[in-house]
Protein backbone atom coordinates (compact mmCIF):
# COMPACT_ATOMS: atom_id res chain seq x y z
CA HIS A 1 140.61 102.31 108.09
CA ALA A 2 137.65 99.96 108.01
CA GLU A 3 139.23 97.78 105.34
CA SER A 4 142.43 97.53 107.38
CA LEU A 5 140.53 96.41 110.46
CA ALA A 6 138.54 93.92 108.38
CA ARG A 7 141.77 92.39 107.06
CA ARG A 8 143.18 92.08 110.58
CA LEU A 9 140.04 90.40 111.85
CA LYS A 10 139.89 88.03 108.89
CA SER A 11 143.52 87.04 109.46
CA ALA A 12 142.40 85.90 112.94
CA ASP A 13 139.51 83.91 111.41
CA MET A 14 136.95 86.50 112.50
CA SER A 15 134.30 87.94 110.22
CA CYS A 16 133.82 91.59 109.47
CA LYS A 17 131.49 93.23 106.98
CA VAL A 18 132.40 96.66 105.68
CA PRO A 19 129.34 98.43 104.24
CA ASP A 20 129.56 101.02 101.50
CA GLU A 21 129.18 104.66 102.54
CA LEU A 22 125.43 105.00 101.92
CA ASN A 23 124.57 101.76 103.71
CA PHE A 24 126.80 102.80 106.61
CA GLN A 25 124.92 106.11 106.81
CA SER A 26 121.63 104.24 106.87
CA MET A 27 122.82 102.03 109.75
CA MET A 28 124.25 105.01 111.64
CA LEU A 29 121.09 107.08 111.30
CA GLU A 30 118.94 104.12 112.29
CA LYS A 31 120.99 103.77 115.48
CA HIS A 32 120.53 107.49 116.18
CA ILE A 33 116.79 107.10 115.62
CA TRP A 34 116.75 104.25 118.15
CA ILE A 35 118.59 106.28 120.77
CA CYS A 36 116.44 109.37 120.29
CA ALA A 37 113.10 107.57 120.15
CA PHE A 38 113.69 105.32 123.14
CA MET A 39 115.31 107.97 125.33
CA LEU A 40 112.53 110.50 124.59
CA ALA A 41 109.76 107.97 125.20
CA GLY A 42 111.48 106.81 128.38
CA VAL A 43 111.80 110.33 129.77
CA LYS A 44 108.21 111.18 128.80
CA ASN A 45 107.05 108.15 130.78
CA GLY A 46 108.95 108.78 134.00
CA GLY A 47 112.46 107.72 133.12
CA VAL A 48 111.63 104.06 132.59
CA LYS A 49 114.12 101.48 131.33
CA ILE A 50 114.43 100.49 127.68
CA GLY A 51 112.50 97.26 128.23
CA GLU A 52 109.62 99.16 129.79
CA VAL A 53 109.57 101.59 126.86
CA GLU A 54 109.45 98.67 124.40
CA LYS A 55 106.75 96.85 126.39
CA ASP A 56 104.56 99.65 127.76
CA CYS A 57 105.20 102.69 125.54
CA THR A 58 105.16 101.08 122.11
CA ALA A 59 102.73 103.64 120.69
CA ASP A 60 104.93 106.57 121.76
CA VAL A 61 108.15 105.04 120.48
CA THR A 62 106.56 103.90 117.21
CA VAL A 63 105.38 107.44 116.42
CA LEU A 64 108.82 108.84 117.24
CA ILE A 65 110.58 106.25 115.05
CA SER A 66 108.24 107.03 112.16
CA GLU A 67 108.72 110.80 112.45
CA LEU A 68 112.50 110.59 112.86
CA LEU A 69 112.83 108.15 109.96
CA ALA A 70 110.74 110.41 107.74
CA SER A 71 113.01 113.34 108.60
CA CYS A 72 116.11 111.28 107.85
CA ARG A 73 114.67 110.26 104.49
CA LEU A 74 113.96 113.88 103.56
CA ALA A 75 117.41 115.08 104.64
CA ASN A 76 119.23 112.14 103.02
CA PRO A 77 117.40 111.16 99.81
CA ALA A 78 120.29 109.01 98.53
CA VAL A 79 120.49 106.89 101.67
CA PRO A 80 118.75 103.50 101.30
CA PHE A 81 116.45 103.11 104.31
CA ASP A 82 114.22 100.08 104.77
CA ASP A 83 110.47 100.68 104.96
CA THR A 84 109.10 102.12 108.21
CA ALA A 85 107.53 98.86 109.42
CA THR A 86 110.81 96.96 108.96
CA VAL A 87 112.89 99.62 110.72
CA THR A 88 110.37 99.84 113.57
CA ALA A 89 110.33 96.07 114.05
CA ARG A 90 114.14 95.94 114.02
CA LEU A 91 114.47 98.76 116.57
CA LEU A 92 111.86 97.21 118.88
CA ALA A 93 113.68 93.87 118.65
CA TYR A 94 116.98 95.56 119.51
CA ALA A 95 115.32 97.20 122.50
CA ARG A 96 114.25 93.77 123.77
CA SER A 97 117.88 92.63 123.61
CA VAL A 98 118.99 95.51 125.86
CA ALA A 99 115.82 95.71 127.97
CA HIS A 100 117.69 96.01 131.27
CA PHE A 101 119.18 99.42 130.41
């Protein structure tokens, strides 16, 4: 299905990258890590918004990202995850882009 959608988008001069299965799993799990880490840190700190978690609760969210990523690595040894510092930086940057939520 992904290849079909990619062809349709390309026919309309739009770009679309279709990752292989393992890279897709890495991206999917990274997104789950983001959701879990930021929601847990937000709730722990009074239900604050994403931007407040990124700005004021960095230590909490960084520990959660590290622990969740380690668990994902153990459960999915074939999945190519970036190093912890790179993933953490990427997830914090994403949080800044959706800070108002």
